[in-house]
Amino acid sequence: MYWNVKEIDAPQLASWLQNKADDIHVIDVRHMNEIAMGTVPGARPVPLHTLPLKLSELDRAKDLVVICRSGARSAQAAAFLQQQGFENVYNLRGGMIGWAQSGLPARAPALN
């Protein structure tokens, strides 16, 4: 979809969340009304239109997984983050649709 954007699938992300949760950040770039319906446990809401304002809050040393509904907006966000110098960025292939199809649980977001 977008050049050089690394992807991760839902089962792999679930494994990462279990085994290396301290080394990754998951951000959900959907609108807040979409996020309120449920997101990946531990995901931080950062709607796409606010992403440029939140760059300084993201840890460049950690793996960053970007999620949305289907994987399109998150691929766009991942490409933007790479253009801003983030190296360890992954798009969740299939987004929350793929997450749900894998039988994985969604949770209400932690609002910071």
C-alpha atoms as a PDB file:
ATOM      1  CA  MET A   1       0.000   0.000   0.000  1.00  0.00           C
ATOM      2  CA  TYR A   2       2.638   2.533   1.067  1.00  0.00           C
ATOM      3  CA  TRP A   3       6.256   2.031   0.172  1.00  0.00           C
ATOM      4  CA  ASN A   4       8.592   0.571   2.771  1.00  0.00           C
ATOM      5  CA  VAL A   5       5.970   0.376   5.515  1.00  0.00           C
ATOM      6  CA  LYS A   6       6.577  -2.719   7.618  1.00  0.00           C
ATOM      7  CA  GLU A   7       3.463  -4.649   8.590  1.00  0.00           C
ATOM      8  CA  ILE A   8       2.540  -6.875  11.480  1.00  0.00           C
ATOM      9  CA  ASP A   9      -0.526  -9.107  11.683  1.00  0.00           C
ATOM     10  CA  ALA A  10      -2.908  -9.361  14.622  1.00  0.00           C
ATOM     11  CA  PRO A  11      -1.588 -12.640  16.106  1.00  0.00           C
ATOM     12  CA  GLN A  12       1.985 -11.304  15.959  1.00  0.00           C
ATOM     13  CA  LEU A  13       0.940  -8.070  17.686  1.00  0.00           C
ATOM     14  CA  ALA A  14      -0.868 -10.065  20.372  1.00  0.00           C
ATOM     15  CA  SER A  15       2.330 -12.037  20.933  1.00  0.00           C
ATOM     16  CA  TRP A  16       4.388  -8.843  21.144  1.00  0.00           C
ATOM     17  CA  LEU A  17       1.941  -7.415  23.691  1.00  0.00           C
ATOM     18  CA  GLN A  18       2.408 -10.517  25.848  1.00  0.00           C
ATOM     19  CA  ASN A  19       6.161 -10.898  25.464  1.00  0.00           C
ATOM     20  CA  LYS A  20       7.636  -7.447  24.991  1.00  0.00           C
ATOM     21  CA  ALA A  21       4.974  -4.956  26.082  1.00  0.00           C
ATOM     22  CA  ASP A  22       7.578  -2.612  27.582  1.00  0.00           C
ATOM     23  CA  ASP A  23       9.353  -2.317  24.222  1.00  0.00           C
ATOM     24  CA  ILE A  24       6.380  -1.311  22.059  1.00  0.00           C
ATOM     25  CA  HIS A  25       3.812   1.448  21.808  1.00  0.00           C
ATOM     26  CA  VAL A  26       0.518   0.922  20.022  1.00  0.00           C
ATOM     27  CA  ILE A  27      -1.275   4.000  18.731  1.00  0.00           C
ATOM     28  CA  ASP A  28      -4.789   4.044  17.318  1.00  0.00           C
ATOM     29  CA  VAL A  29      -5.213   6.750  14.659  1.00  0.00           C
ATOM     30  CA  ARG A  30      -8.998   6.432  14.239  1.00  0.00           C
ATOM     31  CA  HIS A  31     -11.467   9.137  15.266  1.00  0.00           C
ATOM     32  CA  MET A  32     -12.327   9.139  18.964  1.00  0.00           C
ATOM     33  CA  ASN A  33     -15.882   7.911  18.325  1.00  0.00           C
ATOM     34  CA  GLU A  34     -14.413   4.871  16.535  1.00  0.00           C
ATOM     35  CA  ILE A  35     -11.827   4.259  19.250  1.00  0.00           C
ATOM     36  CA  ALA A  36     -14.531   4.434  21.938  1.00  0.00           C
ATOM     37  CA  MET A  37     -16.079   1.253  20.487  1.00  0.00           C
ATOM     38  CA  GLY A  38     -12.921  -0.661  21.396  1.00  0.00           C
ATOM     39  CA  THR A  39      -9.259  -0.877  20.541  1.00  0.00           C
ATOM     40  CA  VAL A  40      -6.250  -3.115  21.068  1.00  0.00           C
ATOM     41  CA  PRO A  41      -5.609  -3.390  24.822  1.00  0.00           C
ATOM     42  CA  GLY A  42      -3.074  -0.758  25.845  1.00  0.00           C
ATOM     43  CA  ALA A  43      -3.369   1.252  22.636  1.00  0.00           C
ATOM     44  CA  ARG A  44      -3.056   5.000  22.937  1.00  0.00           C
ATOM     45  CA  PRO A  45      -5.606   7.114  21.051  1.00  0.00           C
ATOM     46  CA  VAL A  46      -3.864   9.526  18.652  1.00  0.00           C
ATOM     47  CA  PRO A  47      -6.368  10.462  15.939  1.00  0.00           C
ATOM     48  CA  LEU A  48      -4.639  10.848  12.572  1.00  0.00           C
ATOM     49  CA  HIS A  49      -5.246  14.592  12.337  1.00  0.00           C
ATOM     50  CA  THR A  50      -3.431  15.108  15.674  1.00  0.00           C
ATOM     51  CA  LEU A  51      -0.405  12.926  14.863  1.00  0.00           C
ATOM     52  CA  PRO A  52       1.891  15.791  13.752  1.00  0.00           C
ATOM     53  CA  LEU A  53       1.236  17.513  17.088  1.00  0.00           C
ATOM     54  CA  LYS A  54       2.054  14.369  19.102  1.00  0.00           C
ATOM     55  CA  LEU A  55       5.423  13.439  17.565  1.00  0.00           C
ATOM     56  CA  SER A  56       7.411  14.653  20.575  1.00  0.00           C
ATOM     57  CA  GLU A  57       5.363  12.338  22.830  1.00  0.00           C
ATOM     58  CA  LEU A  58       6.360   9.194  20.928  1.00  0.00           C
ATOM     59  CA  ASP A  59       9.423   7.186  21.979  1.00  0.00           C
ATOM     60  CA  ARG A  60      11.699   6.687  18.968  1.00  0.00           C
ATOM     61  CA  ALA A  61      13.612   3.926  20.763  1.00  0.00           C
ATOM     62  CA  LYS A  62      10.588   1.612  20.941  1.00  0.00           C
ATOM     63  CA  ASP A  63       8.726  -0.308  18.275  1.00  0.00           C
ATOM     64  CA  LEU A  64       5.660   1.683  17.264  1.00  0.00           C
ATOM     65  CA  VAL A  65       2.594  -0.171  15.963  1.00  0.00           C
ATOM     66  CA  VAL A  66      -0.050   1.979  14.273  1.00  0.00           C
ATOM     67  CA  ILE A  67      -3.649   0.770  14.032  1.00  0.00           C
ATOM     68  CA  CYS A  68      -6.912   1.920  12.468  1.00  0.00           C
ATOM     69  CA  ARG A  69     -10.122   0.260  11.232  1.00  0.00           C
ATOM     70  CA  SER A  70      -8.797  -1.535   8.133  1.00  0.00           C
ATOM     71  CA  GLY A  71      -5.080  -0.705   7.900  1.00  0.00           C
ATOM     72  CA  ALA A  72      -5.289   2.145   5.359  1.00  0.00           C
ATOM     73  CA  ARG A  73      -5.104   5.177   7.679  1.00  0.00           C
ATOM     74  CA  SER A  74      -2.524   3.462   9.844  1.00  0.00           C
ATOM     75  CA  ALA A  75      -0.370   2.749   6.762  1.00  0.00           C
ATOM     76  CA  GLN A  76      -0.567   6.445   5.920  1.00  0.00           C
ATOM     77  CA  ALA A  77       0.374   7.321   9.510  1.00  0.00           C
ATOM     78  CA  ALA A  78       3.258   4.813   9.503  1.00  0.00           C
ATOM     79  CA  ALA A  79       4.614   6.303   6.267  1.00  0.00           C
ATOM     80  CA  PHE A  80       4.386   9.791   7.798  1.00  0.00           C
ATOM     81  CA  LEU A  81       6.223   8.627  10.937  1.00  0.00           C
ATOM     82  CA  GLN A  82       8.975   7.091   8.809  1.00  0.00           C
ATOM     83  CA  GLN A  83       9.315  10.388   6.944  1.00  0.00           C
ATOM     84  CA  GLN A  84       9.765  12.052  10.343  1.00  0.00           C
ATOM     85  CA  GLY A  85      12.678   9.751  11.178  1.00  0.00           C
ATOM     86  CA  PHE A  86      10.969   6.977  13.134  1.00  0.00           C
ATOM     87  CA  GLU A  87      12.634   3.688  12.218  1.00  0.00           C
ATOM     88  CA  ASN A  88      10.754   0.963  14.098  1.00  0.00           C
ATOM     89  CA  VAL A  89       7.242   1.592  12.771  1.00  0.00           C
ATOM     90  CA  TYR A  90       4.733  -1.139  11.901  1.00  0.00           C
ATOM     91  CA  ASN A  91       1.259  -1.014  10.410  1.00  0.00           C
ATOM     92  CA  LEU A  92      -1.303  -3.477  11.783  1.00  0.00           C
ATOM     93  CA  ARG A  93      -2.340  -5.360   8.632  1.00  0.00           C
ATOM     94  CA  GLY A  94      -6.129  -5.420   8.422  1.00  0.00           C
ATOM     95  CA  GLY A  95      -6.500  -3.012  11.337  1.00  0.00           C
ATOM     96  CA  MET A  96      -9.174  -3.610  13.952  1.00  0.00           C
ATOM     97  CA  ILE A  97     -11.116  -5.677  11.429  1.00  0.00           C
ATOM     98  CA  GLY A  98      -8.186  -8.119  11.248  1.00  0.00           C
ATOM     99  CA  TRP A  99      -7.809  -7.983  15.026  1.00  0.00           C
ATOM    100  CA  ALA A 100     -11.463  -8.952  15.533  1.00  0.00           C
ATOM    101  CA  GLN A 101     -11.337 -11.630  12.808  1.00  0.00           C
ATOM    102  CA  SER A 102      -8.414 -13.194  14.676  1.00  0.00           C
ATOM    103  CA  GLY A 103     -10.658 -13.531  17.741  1.00  0.00           C
ATOM    104  CA  LEU A 104      -8.643 -11.085  19.803  1.00  0.00           C
ATOM    105  CA  PRO A 105     -10.307  -8.877  22.432  1.00  0.00           C
ATOM    106  CA  ALA A 106     -10.902  -5.158  22.068  1.00  0.00           C
ATOM    107  CA  ARG A 107     -10.988  -2.910  25.135  1.00  0.00           C
ATOM    108  CA  ALA A 108     -12.221   0.558  25.926  1.00  0.00           C
ATOM    109  CA  PRO A 109      -9.295   2.942  25.444  1.00  0.00           C
ATOM    110  CA  ALA A 110      -7.200   4.407  28.218  1.00  0.00           C
ATOM    111  CA  LEU A 111      -7.793   8.118  27.808  1.00  0.00           C
ATOM    112  CA  ASN A 112      -4.790  10.171  28.875  1.00  0.00           C
END
